[in-house]
Amino acid sequence: MAAGGAAAAAAAIADAIKASGVLVRVEPQEFTKLLGLVKEPLIVVAESGLFSKKYNYLMSYKGLAFFTKSPAPMPLPADSEIVRANRIFIPG
């Protein structure tokens, strides 16, 4: 996917969250289960943390946006489209 297309897709997920306010925070294990249900998932990935890294993941599934934070990088499906972001802002 071209950089512009990936950015547009990430923006679409962000706009969907703003419009609906629906963001589901799940544990990394649950996020991994959801990844197994989606064909060619689009996943936004960002690193956070000053002294210890955390890995943030965001994806859409059946109209909801799912977010998780992991202390280690998560294995992602080979057919994933990945958008690397500087930061994922999660309200509240």
C-alpha atoms as a PDB file:
ATOM      1  CA  MET A   1       0.000   0.000   0.000  1.00  0.00           C
ATOM      2  CA  ALA A   2       1.370   3.426  -0.878  1.00  0.00           C
ATOM      3  CA  ALA A   3       2.317   5.727   1.974  1.00  0.00           C
ATOM      4  CA  GLY A   4      -0.523   8.092   1.122  1.00  0.00           C
ATOM      5  CA  GLY A   5      -3.049   5.265   1.134  1.00  0.00           C
ATOM      6  CA  ALA A   6      -1.781   3.941   4.451  1.00  0.00           C
ATOM      7  CA  ALA A   7      -1.981   7.397   5.993  1.00  0.00           C
ATOM      8  CA  ALA A   8      -5.519   7.801   4.657  1.00  0.00           C
ATOM      9  CA  ALA A   9      -6.522   4.450   6.151  1.00  0.00           C
ATOM     10  CA  ALA A  10      -5.055   5.383   9.531  1.00  0.00           C
ATOM     11  CA  ALA A  11      -6.864   8.717   9.372  1.00  0.00           C
ATOM     12  CA  ALA A  12     -10.109   6.905   8.567  1.00  0.00           C
ATOM     13  CA  ILE A  13      -9.764   4.753  11.698  1.00  0.00           C
ATOM     14  CA  ALA A  14      -9.006   7.853  13.769  1.00  0.00           C
ATOM     15  CA  ASP A  15     -12.013   9.681  12.292  1.00  0.00           C
ATOM     16  CA  ALA A  16     -14.242   6.695  13.031  1.00  0.00           C
ATOM     17  CA  ILE A  17     -13.136   6.746  16.659  1.00  0.00           C
ATOM     18  CA  LYS A  18     -13.800  10.483  16.935  1.00  0.00           C
ATOM     19  CA  ALA A  19     -17.202  10.207  15.252  1.00  0.00           C
ATOM     20  CA  SER A  20     -18.478   7.244  17.207  1.00  0.00           C
ATOM     21  CA  GLY A  21     -16.431   7.461  20.364  1.00  0.00           C
ATOM     22  CA  VAL A  22     -16.240   3.665  20.355  1.00  0.00           C
ATOM     23  CA  LEU A  23     -12.846   2.377  21.300  1.00  0.00           C
ATOM     24  CA  VAL A  24     -12.458  -1.010  22.931  1.00  0.00           C
ATOM     25  CA  ARG A  25      -9.365  -1.592  25.057  1.00  0.00           C
ATOM     26  CA  VAL A  26      -8.428  -5.248  25.267  1.00  0.00           C
ATOM     27  CA  GLU A  27      -5.585  -7.342  26.628  1.00  0.00           C
ATOM     28  CA  PRO A  28      -2.910  -8.402  24.117  1.00  0.00           C
ATOM     29  CA  GLN A  29      -4.181 -12.006  24.142  1.00  0.00           C
ATOM     30  CA  GLU A  30      -7.683 -10.887  23.142  1.00  0.00           C
ATOM     31  CA  PHE A  31      -6.248  -8.604  20.451  1.00  0.00           C
ATOM     32  CA  THR A  32      -4.345 -11.597  19.042  1.00  0.00           C
ATOM     33  CA  LYS A  33      -7.591 -13.615  18.928  1.00  0.00           C
ATOM     34  CA  LEU A  34      -9.294 -10.817  17.002  1.00  0.00           C
ATOM     35  CA  LEU A  35      -6.398 -10.641  14.547  1.00  0.00           C
ATOM     36  CA  GLY A  36      -7.061 -14.275  13.710  1.00  0.00           C
ATOM     37  CA  LEU A  37     -10.635 -13.410  12.680  1.00  0.00           C
ATOM     38  CA  VAL A  38      -9.732 -10.692  10.173  1.00  0.00           C
ATOM     39  CA  LYS A  39      -8.465 -11.294   6.659  1.00  0.00           C
ATOM     40  CA  GLU A  40      -5.740  -8.793   5.709  1.00  0.00           C
ATOM     41  CA  PRO A  41      -6.135  -6.611   8.821  1.00  0.00           C
ATOM     42  CA  LEU A  42      -4.972  -3.007   8.828  1.00  0.00           C
ATOM     43  CA  ILE A  43      -3.009  -2.458  12.024  1.00  0.00           C
ATOM     44  CA  VAL A  44      -1.634   0.837  13.304  1.00  0.00           C
ATOM     45  CA  VAL A  45       1.496   0.300  15.423  1.00  0.00           C
ATOM     46  CA  ALA A  46       3.349   2.815  17.593  1.00  0.00           C
ATOM     47  CA  GLU A  47       5.961   2.632  20.334  1.00  0.00           C
ATOM     48  CA  SER A  48       5.641   4.604  23.556  1.00  0.00           C
ATOM     49  CA  GLY A  49       7.423   4.903  26.859  1.00  0.00           C
ATOM     50  CA  LEU A  50      10.470   6.765  28.035  1.00  0.00           C
ATOM     51  CA  PHE A  51      12.313   4.245  30.185  1.00  0.00           C
ATOM     52  CA  SER A  52      10.561   1.044  29.178  1.00  0.00           C
ATOM     53  CA  LYS A  53       9.072   0.569  25.741  1.00  0.00           C
ATOM     54  CA  LYS A  54       5.439  -0.270  25.233  1.00  0.00           C
ATOM     55  CA  TYR A  55       3.994  -1.306  21.901  1.00  0.00           C
ATOM     56  CA  ASN A  56       0.578   0.097  20.993  1.00  0.00           C
ATOM     57  CA  TYR A  57      -1.708  -1.568  18.459  1.00  0.00           C
ATOM     58  CA  LEU A  58      -4.966  -0.374  16.904  1.00  0.00           C
ATOM     59  CA  MET A  59      -7.239  -2.153  14.440  1.00  0.00           C
ATOM     60  CA  SER A  60     -10.830  -2.112  13.314  1.00  0.00           C
ATOM     61  CA  TYR A  61     -13.132  -5.135  13.432  1.00  0.00           C
ATOM     62  CA  LYS A  62     -16.864  -5.158  12.656  1.00  0.00           C
ATOM     63  CA  GLY A  63     -17.163  -1.407  13.084  1.00  0.00           C
ATOM     64  CA  LEU A  64     -15.344  -1.175  16.401  1.00  0.00           C
ATOM     65  CA  ALA A  65     -11.796   0.017  16.986  1.00  0.00           C
ATOM     66  CA  PHE A  66      -9.707  -2.252  19.210  1.00  0.00           C
ATOM     67  CA  PHE A  67      -6.627  -1.047  21.066  1.00  0.00           C
ATOM     68  CA  THR A  68      -4.022  -2.834  23.133  1.00  0.00           C
ATOM     69  CA  LYS A  69      -0.681  -2.100  24.746  1.00  0.00           C
ATOM     70  CA  SER A  70       2.001  -4.755  25.051  1.00  0.00           C
ATOM     71  CA  PRO A  71       5.368  -4.754  26.840  1.00  0.00           C
ATOM     72  CA  ALA A  72       6.891  -6.708  23.920  1.00  0.00           C
ATOM     73  CA  PRO A  73       6.312  -6.659  20.159  1.00  0.00           C
ATOM     74  CA  MET A  74       3.376  -8.850  19.157  1.00  0.00           C
ATOM     75  CA  PRO A  75       3.522 -11.305  16.267  1.00  0.00           C
ATOM     76  CA  LEU A  76       1.283  -9.997  13.483  1.00  0.00           C
ATOM     77  CA  PRO A  77      -0.295 -12.032  10.676  1.00  0.00           C
ATOM     78  CA  ALA A  78       1.735 -12.184   7.465  1.00  0.00           C
ATOM     79  CA  ASP A  79      -1.160 -10.724   5.451  1.00  0.00           C
ATOM     80  CA  SER A  80      -1.419  -7.616   7.688  1.00  0.00           C
ATOM     81  CA  GLU A  81      -1.184  -4.105   6.329  1.00  0.00           C
ATOM     82  CA  ILE A  82       0.848  -2.209   8.899  1.00  0.00           C
ATOM     83  CA  VAL A  83       0.908   1.533   9.430  1.00  0.00           C
ATOM     84  CA  ARG A  84       3.786   2.678  11.621  1.00  0.00           C
ATOM     85  CA  ALA A  85       2.738   5.772  13.553  1.00  0.00           C
ATOM     86  CA  ASN A  86       4.773   8.039  15.788  1.00  0.00           C
ATOM     87  CA  ARG A  87       2.007   7.922  18.363  1.00  0.00           C
ATOM     88  CA  ILE A  88      -1.497   6.581  18.893  1.00  0.00           C
ATOM     89  CA  PHE A  89      -3.578   9.035  20.898  1.00  0.00           C
ATOM     90  CA  ILE A  90      -6.304   7.360  22.913  1.00  0.00           C
ATOM     91  CA  PRO A  91      -8.712   9.791  24.597  1.00  0.00           C
ATOM     92  CA  GLY A  92      -9.502   9.652  28.298  1.00  0.00           C
END
